[in-house]
Amino acid sequence: PAVDVRRMLEDAEEFASAQRFRRKWNDLCEAGLEFDEP
């Protein structure tokens, strides 16, 4: 059913968003931009 395909697409997009979120945040942490010898 089309509704099942849409659900799968929604799950895929949410997972992809979560991985973008994790990468961007950890890149910031590794760069040390948030704090310097706090």
Full PDB file with SEQRES, HELIX, SHEET, SSBOND, CRYST1, ORIGX, SCALE, CONECT and MASTER records, all heavy atoms in Angstrom:
SEQRES   1 A   38  PRO ALA VAL ASP VAL ARG ARG MET LEU GLU ASP ALA GLU          
SEQRES   2 A   38  GLU PHE ALA SER ALA GLN ARG PHE ARG ARG LYS TRP ASN          
SEQRES   3 A   38  ASP LEU CYS GLU ALA GLY LEU GLU PHE ASP GLU PRO              
HELIX    1 AA1 ALA A    2  ALA A   31  1                                  30    
CRYST1    1.000    1.000    1.000  90.00  90.00  90.00 P 1           1          
ORIGX1      1.000000  0.000000  0.000000        0.00000                         
ORIGX2      0.000000  1.000000  0.000000        0.00000                         
ORIGX3      0.000000  0.000000  1.000000        0.00000                         
SCALE1      1.000000  0.000000  0.000000        0.00000                         
SCALE2      0.000000  1.000000  0.000000        0.00000                         
SCALE3      0.000000  0.000000  1.000000        0.00000                         
ATOM      1  N   PRO A   1       0.819  -1.219   0.000  1.00  0.00           N  
ATOM      2  CA  PRO A   1       0.000   0.000   0.000  1.00  0.00           C  
ATOM      3  C   PRO A   1       0.852   1.267   0.000  1.00  0.00           C  
ATOM      4  O   PRO A   1       1.939   1.302   0.587  1.00  0.00           O  
ATOM      5  CB  PRO A   1      -0.806  -0.124   1.305  1.00  0.00           C  
ATOM      6  CG  PRO A   1      -0.790  -1.580   1.628  1.00  0.00           C  
ATOM      7  CD  PRO A   1       0.532  -2.091   1.144  1.00  0.00           C  
ATOM      8  N   ALA A   2       0.332   2.300  -0.624  1.00  0.00           N  
ATOM      9  CA  ALA A   2       1.047   3.574  -0.688  1.00  0.00           C  
ATOM     10  C   ALA A   2       1.311   4.132   0.700  1.00  0.00           C  
ATOM     11  O   ALA A   2       2.339   4.773   0.936  1.00  0.00           O  
ATOM     12  CB  ALA A   2       0.249   4.578  -1.520  1.00  0.00           C  
ATOM     13  N   VAL A   3       0.398   3.883   1.638  1.00  0.00           N  
ATOM     14  CA  VAL A   3       0.589   4.401   2.999  1.00  0.00           C  
ATOM     15  C   VAL A   3       1.810   3.764   3.654  1.00  0.00           C  
ATOM     16  O   VAL A   3       2.514   4.418   4.433  1.00  0.00           O  
ATOM     17  CB  VAL A   3      -0.679   4.160   3.855  1.00  0.00           C  
ATOM     18  CG1 VAL A   3      -0.941   2.662   4.038  1.00  0.00           C  
ATOM     19  CG2 VAL A   3      -0.569   4.865   5.189  1.00  0.00           C  
ATOM     20  N   ASP A   4       2.090   2.497   3.340  1.00  0.00           N  
ATOM     21  CA  ASP A   4       3.265   1.826   3.898  1.00  0.00           C  
ATOM     22  C   ASP A   4       4.548   2.374   3.281  1.00  0.00           C  
ATOM     23  O   ASP A   4       5.574   2.509   3.962  1.00  0.00           O  
ATOM     24  CB  ASP A   4       3.182   0.322   3.673  1.00  0.00           C  
ATOM     25  CG  ASP A   4       2.133  -0.342   4.561  1.00  0.00           C  
ATOM     26  OD1 ASP A   4       1.675   0.312   5.514  1.00  0.00           O  
ATOM     27  OD2 ASP A   4       1.794  -1.509   4.295  1.00  0.00           O  
ATOM     28  N   VAL A   5       4.491   2.684   1.996  1.00  0.00           N  
ATOM     29  CA  VAL A   5       5.657   3.286   1.350  1.00  0.00           C  
ATOM     30  C   VAL A   5       5.939   4.658   1.949  1.00  0.00           C  
ATOM     31  O   VAL A   5       7.090   5.012   2.226  1.00  0.00           O  
ATOM     32  CB  VAL A   5       5.439   3.400  -0.173  1.00  0.00           C  
ATOM     33  CG1 VAL A   5       6.590   4.165  -0.824  1.00  0.00           C  
ATOM     34  CG2 VAL A   5       5.322   2.018  -0.799  1.00  0.00           C  
ATOM     35  N   ARG A   6       4.883   5.439   2.195  1.00  0.00           N  
ATOM     36  CA  ARG A   6       5.059   6.773   2.800  1.00  0.00           C  
ATOM     37  C   ARG A   6       5.648   6.650   4.199  1.00  0.00           C  
ATOM     38  O   ARG A   6       6.506   7.443   4.592  1.00  0.00           O  
ATOM     39  CB  ARG A   6       3.721   7.517   2.858  1.00  0.00           C  
ATOM     40  CG  ARG A   6       3.261   8.055   1.514  1.00  0.00           C  
ATOM     41  CD  ARG A   6       2.195   9.121   1.692  1.00  0.00           C  
ATOM     42  NE  ARG A   6       1.015   8.603   2.377  1.00  0.00           N  
ATOM     43  CZ  ARG A   6      -0.004   8.030   1.763  1.00  0.00           C  
ATOM     44  NH1 ARG A   6       0.013   7.878   0.440  1.00  0.00           N  
ATOM     45  NH2 ARG A   6      -1.050   7.599   2.448  1.00  0.00           N  
ATOM     46  N   ARG A   7       5.177   5.665   4.953  1.00  0.00           N  
ATOM     47  CA  ARG A   7       5.715   5.468   6.303  1.00  0.00           C  
ATOM     48  C   ARG A   7       7.199   5.140   6.250  1.00  0.00           C  
ATOM     49  O   ARG A   7       7.996   5.644   7.045  1.00  0.00           O  
ATOM     50  CB  ARG A   7       4.962   4.345   7.027  1.00  0.00           C  
ATOM     51  CG  ARG A   7       5.484   4.074   8.439  1.00  0.00           C  
ATOM     52  CD  ARG A   7       4.726   2.981   9.132  1.00  0.00           C  
ATOM     53  NE  ARG A   7       4.867   1.697   8.464  1.00  0.00           N  
ATOM     54  CZ  ARG A   7       4.468   0.537   9.018  1.00  0.00           C  
ATOM     55  NH1 ARG A   7       3.923   0.513  10.209  1.00  0.00           N  
ATOM     56  NH2 ARG A   7       4.630  -0.590   8.345  1.00  0.00           N  
ATOM     57  N   MET A   8       7.581   4.318   5.297  1.00  0.00           N  
ATOM     58  CA  MET A   8       8.987   3.951   5.128  1.00  0.00           C  
ATOM     59  C   MET A   8       9.817   5.174   4.747  1.00  0.00           C  
ATOM     60  O   MET A   8      10.927   5.369   5.249  1.00  0.00           O  
ATOM     61  CB  MET A   8       9.089   2.874   4.061  1.00  0.00           C  
ATOM     62  CG  MET A   8      10.431   2.178   3.965  1.00  0.00           C  
ATOM     63  SD  MET A   8      10.305   0.783   2.822  1.00  0.00           S  
ATOM     64  CE  MET A   8      12.055   0.384   2.653  1.00  0.00           C  
ATOM     65  N   LEU A   9       9.279   6.022   3.872  1.00  0.00           N  
ATOM     66  CA  LEU A   9       9.974   7.245   3.481  1.00  0.00           C  
ATOM     67  C   LEU A   9      10.133   8.190   4.665  1.00  0.00           C  
ATOM     68  O   LEU A   9      11.173   8.829   4.839  1.00  0.00           O  
ATOM     69  CB  LEU A   9       9.220   7.939   2.346  1.00  0.00           C  
ATOM     70  CG  LEU A   9       9.294   7.262   0.974  1.00  0.00           C  
ATOM     71  CD1 LEU A   9       8.288   7.891   0.012  1.00  0.00           C  
ATOM     72  CD2 LEU A   9      10.710   7.365   0.406  1.00  0.00           C  
ATOM     73  N   GLU A  10       9.105   8.279   5.507  1.00  0.00           N  
ATOM     74  CA  GLU A  10       9.188   9.130   6.698  1.00  0.00           C  
ATOM     75  C   GLU A  10      10.239   8.609   7.670  1.00  0.00           C  
ATOM     76  O   GLU A  10      11.006   9.390   8.244  1.00  0.00           O  
ATOM     77  CB  GLU A  10       7.814   9.195   7.381  1.00  0.00           C  
ATOM     78  CG  GLU A  10       6.781   9.979   6.583  1.00  0.00           C  
ATOM     79  CD  GLU A  10       5.374   9.806   7.131  1.00  0.00           C  
ATOM     80  OE1 GLU A  10       5.211   9.047   8.127  1.00  0.00           O  
ATOM     81  OE2 GLU A  10       4.439  10.410   6.581  1.00  0.00           O  
ATOM     82  N   ASP A  11      10.273   7.292   7.872  1.00  0.00           N  
ATOM     83  CA  ASP A  11      11.290   6.697   8.754  1.00  0.00           C  
ATOM     84  C   ASP A  11      12.702   6.966   8.213  1.00  0.00           C  
ATOM     85  O   ASP A  11      13.625   7.287   8.973  1.00  0.00           O  
ATOM     86  CB  ASP A  11      11.078   5.184   8.876  1.00  0.00           C  
ATOM     87  CG  ASP A  11       9.835   4.819   9.674  1.00  0.00           C  
ATOM     88  OD1 ASP A  11       9.352   5.672  10.429  1.00  0.00           O  
ATOM     89  OD2 ASP A  11       9.354   3.680   9.520  1.00  0.00           O  
ATOM     90  N   ALA A  12      12.842   6.841   6.886  1.00  0.00           N  
ATOM     91  CA  ALA A  12      14.148   7.070   6.266  1.00  0.00           C  
ATOM     92  C   ALA A  12      14.597   8.509   6.431  1.00  0.00           C  
ATOM     93  O   ALA A  12      15.765   8.778   6.753  1.00  0.00           O  
ATOM     94  CB  ALA A  12      14.087   6.704   4.783  1.00  0.00           C  
ATOM     95  N   GLU A  13      13.678   9.447   6.236  1.00  0.00           N  
ATOM     96  CA  GLU A  13      14.033  10.866   6.348  1.00  0.00           C  
ATOM     97  C   GLU A  13      14.372  11.232   7.790  1.00  0.00           C  
ATOM     98  O   GLU A  13      15.310  11.998   8.042  1.00  0.00           O  
ATOM     99  CB  GLU A  13      12.887  11.741   5.843  1.00  0.00           C  
ATOM    100  CG  GLU A  13      13.169  13.231   5.923  1.00  0.00           C  
ATOM    101  CD  GLU A  13      14.468  13.641   5.251  1.00  0.00           C  
ATOM    102  OE1 GLU A  13      14.812  13.068   4.196  1.00  0.00           O  
ATOM    103  OE2 GLU A  13      15.171  14.523   5.802  1.00  0.00           O  
ATOM    104  N   GLU A  14      13.631  10.696   8.758  1.00  0.00           N  
ATOM    105  CA  GLU A  14      13.929  11.003  10.153  1.00  0.00           C  
ATOM    106  C   GLU A  14      15.299  10.468  10.546  1.00  0.00           C  
ATOM    107  O   GLU A  14      16.070  11.136  11.236  1.00  0.00           O  
ATOM    108  CB  GLU A  14      12.858  10.433  11.084  1.00  0.00           C  
ATOM    109  CG  GLU A  14      13.098  10.828  12.543  1.00  0.00           C  
ATOM    110  CD  GLU A  14      12.001  10.391  13.478  1.00  0.00           C  
ATOM    111  OE1 GLU A  14      11.106   9.619  13.059  1.00  0.00           O  
ATOM    112  OE2 GLU A  14      12.033  10.819  14.644  1.00  0.00           O  
ATOM    113  N   PHE A  15      15.620   9.251  10.102  1.00  0.00           N  
ATOM    114  CA  PHE A  15      16.921   8.680  10.428  1.00  0.00           C  
ATOM    115  C   PHE A  15      18.037   9.497   9.789  1.00  0.00           C  
ATOM    116  O   PHE A  15      19.063   9.772  10.419  1.00  0.00           O  
ATOM    117  CB  PHE A  15      17.008   7.225   9.954  1.00  0.00           C  
ATOM    118  CG  PHE A  15      18.235   6.516  10.444  1.00  0.00           C  
ATOM    119  CD1 PHE A  15      18.255   5.908  11.690  1.00  0.00           C  
ATOM    120  CD2 PHE A  15      19.384   6.456   9.670  1.00  0.00           C  
ATOM    121  CE1 PHE A  15      19.387   5.256  12.151  1.00  0.00           C  
ATOM    122  CE2 PHE A  15      20.529   5.810  10.117  1.00  0.00           C  
ATOM    123  CZ  PHE A  15      20.528   5.205  11.368  1.00  0.00           C  
ATOM    124  N   ALA A  16      17.864   9.896   8.530  1.00  0.00           N  
ATOM    125  CA  ALA A  16      18.869  10.706   7.854  1.00  0.00           C  
ATOM    126  C   ALA A  16      19.050  12.046   8.561  1.00  0.00           C  
ATOM    127  O   ALA A  16      20.177  12.534   8.720  1.00  0.00           O  
ATOM    128  CB  ALA A  16      18.475  10.925   6.395  1.00  0.00           C  
ATOM    129  N   SER A  17      17.958  12.651   9.023  1.00  0.00           N  
ATOM    130  CA  SER A  17      18.047  13.911   9.766  1.00  0.00           C  
ATOM    131  C   SER A  17      18.808  13.731  11.067  1.00  0.00           C  
ATOM    132  O   SER A  17      19.607  14.587  11.462  1.00  0.00           O  
ATOM    133  CB  SER A  17      16.633  14.449  10.053  1.00  0.00           C  
ATOM    134  OG  SER A  17      15.965  14.779   8.866  1.00  0.00           O  
ATOM    135  N   ALA A  18      18.553  12.607  11.749  1.00  0.00           N  
ATOM    136  CA  ALA A  18      19.242  12.336  13.012  1.00  0.00           C  
ATOM    137  C   ALA A  18      20.745  12.192  12.798  1.00  0.00           C  
ATOM    138  O   ALA A  18      21.552  12.673  13.611  1.00  0.00           O  
ATOM    139  CB  ALA A  18      18.677  11.076  13.663  1.00  0.00           C  
ATOM    140  N   GLN A  19      21.141  11.564  11.700  1.00  0.00           N  
ATOM    141  CA  GLN A  19      22.574  11.408  11.431  1.00  0.00           C  
ATOM    142  C   GLN A  19      23.221  12.738  11.051  1.00  0.00           C  
ATOM    143  O   GLN A  19      24.363  13.007  11.441  1.00  0.00           O  
ATOM    144  CB  GLN A  19      22.794  10.366  10.335  1.00  0.00           C  
ATOM    145  CG  GLN A  19      22.352   8.964  10.708  1.00  0.00           C  
ATOM    146  CD  GLN A  19      22.896   8.520  12.062  1.00  0.00           C  
ATOM    147  OE1 GLN A  19      24.087   8.602  12.334  1.00  0.00           O  
ATOM    148  NE2 GLN A  19      22.006   8.050  12.936  1.00  0.00           N  
ATOM    149  N   ARG A  20      22.514  13.589  10.319  1.00  0.00           N  
ATOM    150  CA  ARG A  20      23.045  14.932  10.021  1.00  0.00           C  
ATOM    151  C   ARG A  20      23.212  15.724  11.306  1.00  0.00           C  
ATOM    152  O   ARG A  20      24.218  16.420  11.506  1.00  0.00           O  
ATOM    153  CB  ARG A  20      22.104  15.674   9.065  1.00  0.00           C  
ATOM    154  CG  ARG A  20      22.098  15.135   7.644  1.00  0.00           C  
ATOM    155  CD  ARG A  20      21.444  16.113   6.686  1.00  0.00           C  
ATOM    156  NE  ARG A  20      20.038  16.316   6.987  1.00  0.00           N  
ATOM    157  CZ  ARG A  20      19.052  15.583   6.475  1.00  0.00           C  
ATOM    158  NH1 ARG A  20      19.335  14.587   5.647  1.00  0.00           N  
ATOM    159  NH2 ARG A  20      17.797  15.829   6.778  1.00  0.00           N  
ATOM    160  N   PHE A  21      22.238  15.630  12.181  1.00  0.00           N  
ATOM    161  CA  PHE A  21      22.273  16.297  13.478  1.00  0.00           C  
ATOM    162  C   PHE A  21      23.493  15.839  14.285  1.00  0.00           C  
ATOM    163  O   PHE A  21      24.246  16.661  14.816  1.00  0.00           O  
ATOM    164  CB  PHE A  21      20.975  15.970  14.212  1.00  0.00           C  
ATOM    165  CG  PHE A  21      20.915  16.393  15.653  1.00  0.00           C  
ATOM    166  CD1 PHE A  21      20.610  17.700  15.996  1.00  0.00           C  
ATOM    167  CD2 PHE A  21      21.140  15.471  16.660  1.00  0.00           C  
ATOM    168  CE1 PHE A  21      20.526  18.083  17.331  1.00  0.00           C  
ATOM    169  CE2 PHE A  21      21.057  15.831  17.987  1.00  0.00           C  
ATOM    170  CZ  PHE A  21      20.756  17.146  18.323  1.00  0.00           C  
ATOM    171  N   ARG A  22      23.685  14.533  14.344  1.00  0.00           N  
ATOM    172  CA  ARG A  22      24.807  13.995  15.126  1.00  0.00           C  
ATOM    173  C   ARG A  22      26.150  14.436  14.544  1.00  0.00           C  
ATOM    174  O   ARG A  22      27.056  14.838  15.273  1.00  0.00           O  
ATOM    175  CB  ARG A  22      24.715  12.474  15.165  1.00  0.00           C  
ATOM    176  CG  ARG A  22      25.814  11.817  15.991  1.00  0.00           C  
ATOM    177  CD  ARG A  22      25.795  10.320  15.844  1.00  0.00           C  
ATOM    178  NE  ARG A  22      26.859   9.708  16.638  1.00  0.00           N  
ATOM    179  CZ  ARG A  22      27.273   8.465  16.499  1.00  0.00           C  
ATOM    180  NH1 ARG A  22      26.714   7.680  15.601  1.00  0.00           N  
ATOM    181  NH2 ARG A  22      28.238   7.990  17.247  1.00  0.00           N  
ATOM    182  N   ARG A  23      26.282  14.354  13.217  1.00  0.00           N  
ATOM    183  CA  ARG A  23      27.552  14.742  12.589  1.00  0.00           C  
ATOM    184  C   ARG A  23      27.875  16.214  12.827  1.00  0.00           C  
ATOM    185  O   ARG A  23      29.002  16.563  13.191  1.00  0.00           O  
ATOM    186  CB  ARG A  23      27.502  14.462  11.075  1.00  0.00           C  
ATOM    187  CG  ARG A  23      27.523  13.001  10.695  1.00  0.00           C  
ATOM    188  CD  ARG A  23      27.883  12.816   9.235  1.00  0.00           C  
ATOM    189  NE  ARG A  23      27.031  13.567   8.336  1.00  0.00           N  
ATOM    190  CZ  ARG A  23      25.863  13.121   7.867  1.00  0.00           C  
ATOM    191  NH1 ARG A  23      25.410  11.942   8.242  1.00  0.00           N  
ATOM    192  NH2 ARG A  23      25.164  13.838   7.016  1.00  0.00           N  
ATOM    193  N   LYS A  24      26.898  17.074  12.619  1.00  0.00           N  
ATOM    194  CA  LYS A  24      27.146  18.515  12.777  1.00  0.00           C  
ATOM    195  C   LYS A  24      27.526  18.853  14.218  1.00  0.00           C  
ATOM    196  O   LYS A  24      28.438  19.641  14.471  1.00  0.00           O  
ATOM    197  CB  LYS A  24      25.903  19.315  12.362  1.00  0.00           C  
ATOM    198  CG  LYS A  24      25.748  19.472  10.862  1.00  0.00           C  
ATOM    199  CD  LYS A  24      24.544  20.331  10.544  1.00  0.00           C  
ATOM    200  CE  LYS A  24      24.433  20.585   9.047  1.00  0.00           C  
ATOM    201  NZ  LYS A  24      25.527  21.468   8.570  1.00  0.00           N  
ATOM    202  N   TRP A  25      26.834  18.232  15.171  1.00  0.00           N  
ATOM    203  CA  TRP A  25      27.102  18.550  16.572  1.00  0.00           C  
ATOM    204  C   TRP A  25      28.466  18.022  16.996  1.00  0.00           C  
ATOM    205  O   TRP A  25      29.237  18.718  17.648  1.00  0.00           O  
ATOM    206  CB  TRP A  25      26.000  17.982  17.455  1.00  0.00           C  
ATOM    207  CG  TRP A  25      25.914  18.669  18.797  1.00  0.00           C  
ATOM    208  CD1 TRP A  25      26.856  19.504  19.342  1.00  0.00           C  
ATOM    209  CD2 TRP A  25      24.848  18.591  19.728  1.00  0.00           C  
ATOM    210  NE1 TRP A  25      26.439  19.943  20.574  1.00  0.00           N  
ATOM    211  CE2 TRP A  25      25.199  19.403  20.825  1.00  0.00           C  
ATOM    212  CE3 TRP A  25      23.638  17.927  19.750  1.00  0.00           C  
ATOM    213  CZ2 TRP A  25      24.388  19.554  21.940  1.00  0.00           C  
ATOM    214  CZ3 TRP A  25      22.823  18.080  20.854  1.00  0.00           C  
ATOM    215  CH2 TRP A  25      23.192  18.875  21.938  1.00  0.00           C  
ATOM    216  N   ASN A  26      28.790  16.797  16.620  1.00  0.00           N  
ATOM    217  CA  ASN A  26      30.087  16.246  16.998  1.00  0.00           C  
ATOM    218  C   ASN A  26      31.234  16.948  16.269  1.00  0.00           C  
ATOM    219  O   ASN A  26      32.326  17.088  16.827  1.00  0.00           O  
ATOM    220  CB  ASN A  26      30.120  14.743  16.741  1.00  0.00           C  
ATOM    221  CG  ASN A  26      29.526  13.950  17.894  1.00  0.00           C  
ATOM    222  OD1 ASN A  26      29.563  14.392  19.040  1.00  0.00           O  
ATOM    223  ND2 ASN A  26      28.966  12.792  17.600  1.00  0.00           N  
ATOM    224  N   ASP A  27      30.999  17.412  15.046  1.00  0.00           N  
ATOM    225  CA  ASP A  27      32.020  18.206  14.354  1.00  0.00           C  
ATOM    226  C   ASP A  27      32.314  19.484  15.137  1.00  0.00           C  
ATOM    227  O   ASP A  27      33.473  19.901  15.268  1.00  0.00           O  
ATOM    228  CB  ASP A  27      31.565  18.569  12.941  1.00  0.00           C  
ATOM    229  CG  ASP A  27      31.638  17.391  11.984  1.00  0.00           C  
ATOM    230  OD1 ASP A  27      32.259  16.370  12.345  1.00  0.00           O  
ATOM    231  OD2 ASP A  27      31.069  17.492  10.881  1.00  0.00           O  
ATOM    232  N   LEU A  28      31.271  20.086  15.667  1.00  0.00           N  
ATOM    233  CA  LEU A  28      31.442  21.302  16.463  1.00  0.00           C  
ATOM    234  C   LEU A  28      32.216  21.002  17.738  1.00  0.00           C  
ATOM    235  O   LEU A  28      33.128  21.745  18.118  1.00  0.00           O  
ATOM    236  CB  LEU A  28      30.077  21.889  16.802  1.00  0.00           C  
ATOM    237  CG  LEU A  28      30.083  23.143  17.673  1.00  0.00           C  
ATOM    238  CD1 LEU A  28      30.631  24.331  16.910  1.00  0.00           C  
ATOM    239  CD2 LEU A  28      28.677  23.446  18.183  1.00  0.00           C  
ATOM    240  N   CYS A  29      31.858  19.901  18.401  1.00  0.00           N  
ATOM    241  CA  CYS A  29      32.552  19.526  19.639  1.00  0.00           C  
ATOM    242  C   CYS A  29      34.033  19.268  19.376  1.00  0.00           C  
ATOM    243  O   CYS A  29      34.905  19.704  20.141  1.00  0.00           O  
ATOM    244  CB  CYS A  29      31.899  18.289  20.256  1.00  0.00           C  
ATOM    245  SG  CYS A  29      30.213  18.527  20.832  1.00  0.00           S  
ATOM    246  N   GLU A  30      34.329  18.544  18.299  1.00  0.00           N  
ATOM    247  CA  GLU A  30      35.717  18.207  17.983  1.00  0.00           C  
ATOM    248  C   GLU A  30      36.525  19.448  17.612  1.00  0.00           C  
ATOM    249  O   GLU A  30      37.730  19.531  17.874  1.00  0.00           O  
ATOM    250  CB  GLU A  30      35.753  17.197  16.842  1.00  0.00           C  
ATOM    251  CG  GLU A  30      35.236  15.819  17.243  1.00  0.00           C  
ATOM    252  CD  GLU A  30      35.083  14.892  16.057  1.00  0.00           C  
ATOM    253  OE1 GLU A  30      35.484  15.304  14.942  1.00  0.00           O  
ATOM    254  OE2 GLU A  30      34.575  13.774  16.240  1.00  0.00           O  
ATOM    255  N   ALA A  31      35.860  20.433  17.002  1.00  0.00           N  
ATOM    256  CA  ALA A  31      36.558  21.655  16.619  1.00  0.00           C  
ATOM    257  C   ALA A  31      36.850  22.549  17.817  1.00  0.00           C  
ATOM    258  O   ALA A  31      37.665  23.471  17.730  1.00  0.00           O  
ATOM    259  CB  ALA A  31      35.741  22.425  15.586  1.00  0.00           C  
ATOM    260  N   GLY A  32      36.175  22.265  18.940  1.00  0.00           N  
ATOM    261  CA  GLY A  32      36.412  23.052  20.140  1.00  0.00           C  
ATOM    262  C   GLY A  32      35.910  24.473  20.034  1.00  0.00           C  
ATOM    263  O   GLY A  32      36.414  25.383  20.699  1.00  0.00           O  
ATOM    264  N   LEU A  33      34.883  24.689  19.215  1.00  0.00           N  
ATOM    265  CA  LEU A  33      34.397  26.052  19.011  1.00  0.00           C  
ATOM    266  C   LEU A  33      33.534  26.545  20.171  1.00  0.00           C  
ATOM    267  O   LEU A  33      33.364  27.740  20.352  1.00  0.00           O  
ATOM    268  CB  LEU A  33      33.586  26.114  17.711  1.00  0.00           C  
ATOM    269  CG  LEU A  33      34.356  25.756  16.435  1.00  0.00           C  
ATOM    270  CD1 LEU A  33      33.426  25.857  15.219  1.00  0.00           C  
ATOM    271  CD2 LEU A  33      35.544  26.704  16.245  1.00  0.00           C  
ATOM    272  N   GLU A  34      32.986  25.605  20.924  1.00  0.00           N  
ATOM    273  CA  GLU A  34      32.073  26.017  21.983  1.00  0.00           C  
ATOM    274  C   GLU A  34      32.792  26.535  23.228  1.00  0.00           C  
ATOM    275  O   GLU A  34      32.281  27.365  23.943  1.00  0.00           O  
ATOM    276  CB  GLU A  34      31.172  24.844  22.390  1.00  0.00           C  
ATOM    277  CG  GLU A  34      30.005  24.613  21.457  1.00  0.00           C  
ATOM    278  CD  GLU A  34      28.905  25.631  21.644  1.00  0.00           C  
ATOM    279  OE1 GLU A  34      29.053  26.508  22.509  1.00  0.00           O  
ATOM    280  OE2 GLU A  34      27.916  25.574  20.911  1.00  0.00           O  
ATOM    281  N   PHE A  35      33.970  26.042  23.501  1.00  0.00           N  
ATOM    282  CA  PHE A  35      34.622  26.441  24.743  1.00  0.00           C  
ATOM    283  C   PHE A  35      36.137  26.292  24.609  1.00  0.00           C  
ATOM    284  O   PHE A  35      36.626  25.448  23.877  1.00  0.00           O  
ATOM    285  CB  PHE A  35      34.125  25.614  25.937  1.00  0.00           C  
ATOM    286  CG  PHE A  35      33.810  24.189  25.607  1.00  0.00           C  
ATOM    287  CD1 PHE A  35      34.823  23.249  25.520  1.00  0.00           C  
ATOM    288  CD2 PHE A  35      32.509  23.787  25.364  1.00  0.00           C  
ATOM    289  CE1 PHE A  35      34.543  21.928  25.204  1.00  0.00           C  
ATOM    290  CE2 PHE A  35      32.234  22.470  25.044  1.00  0.00           C  
ATOM    291  CZ  PHE A  35      33.245  21.540  24.969  1.00  0.00           C  
ATOM    292  N   ASP A  36      36.874  27.123  25.307  1.00  0.00           N  
ATOM    293  CA  ASP A  36      38.334  27.107  25.262  1.00  0.00           C  
ATOM    294  C   ASP A  36      38.850  27.150  26.699  1.00  0.00           C  
ATOM    295  O   ASP A  36      38.788  28.190  27.356  1.00  0.00           O  
ATOM    296  CB  ASP A  36      38.844  28.300  24.463  1.00  0.00           C  
ATOM    297  CG  ASP A  36      40.364  28.297  24.343  1.00  0.00           C  
ATOM    298  OD1 ASP A  36      40.960  27.226  24.555  1.00  0.00           O  
ATOM    299  OD2 ASP A  36      40.923  29.357  24.050  1.00  0.00           O  
ATOM    300  N   GLU A  37      39.341  25.996  27.177  1.00  0.00           N  
ATOM    301  CA  GLU A  37      39.828  25.852  28.554  1.00  0.00           C  
ATOM    302  C   GLU A  37      38.847  26.474  29.554  1.00  0.00           C  
ATOM    303  O   GLU A  37      39.180  27.420  30.283  1.00  0.00           O  
ATOM    304  CB  GLU A  37      41.206  26.513  28.680  1.00  0.00           C  
ATOM    305  CG  GLU A  37      42.255  25.851  27.798  1.00  0.00           C  
ATOM    306  CD  GLU A  37      43.626  26.477  27.989  1.00  0.00           C  
ATOM    307  OE1 GLU A  37      43.729  27.418  28.808  1.00  0.00           O  
ATOM    308  OE2 GLU A  37      44.570  26.029  27.333  1.00  0.00           O  
ATOM    309  N   PRO A  38      37.618  25.969  29.598  1.00  0.00           N  
ATOM    310  CA  PRO A  38      36.599  26.588  30.447  1.00  0.00           C  
ATOM    311  C   PRO A  38      36.776  26.254  31.921  1.00  0.00           C  
ATOM    312  O   PRO A  38      37.452  25.296  32.285  1.00  0.00           O  
ATOM    313  CB  PRO A  38      35.304  25.969  29.906  1.00  0.00           C  
ATOM    314  CG  PRO A  38      35.737  24.603  29.464  1.00  0.00           C  
ATOM    315  CD  PRO A  38      37.124  24.783  28.908  1.00  0.00           C  
TER     316      PRO A  38                                                      
MASTER        0    0    0    1    0    0    0    6  315    1    0    3          
END                                                                             
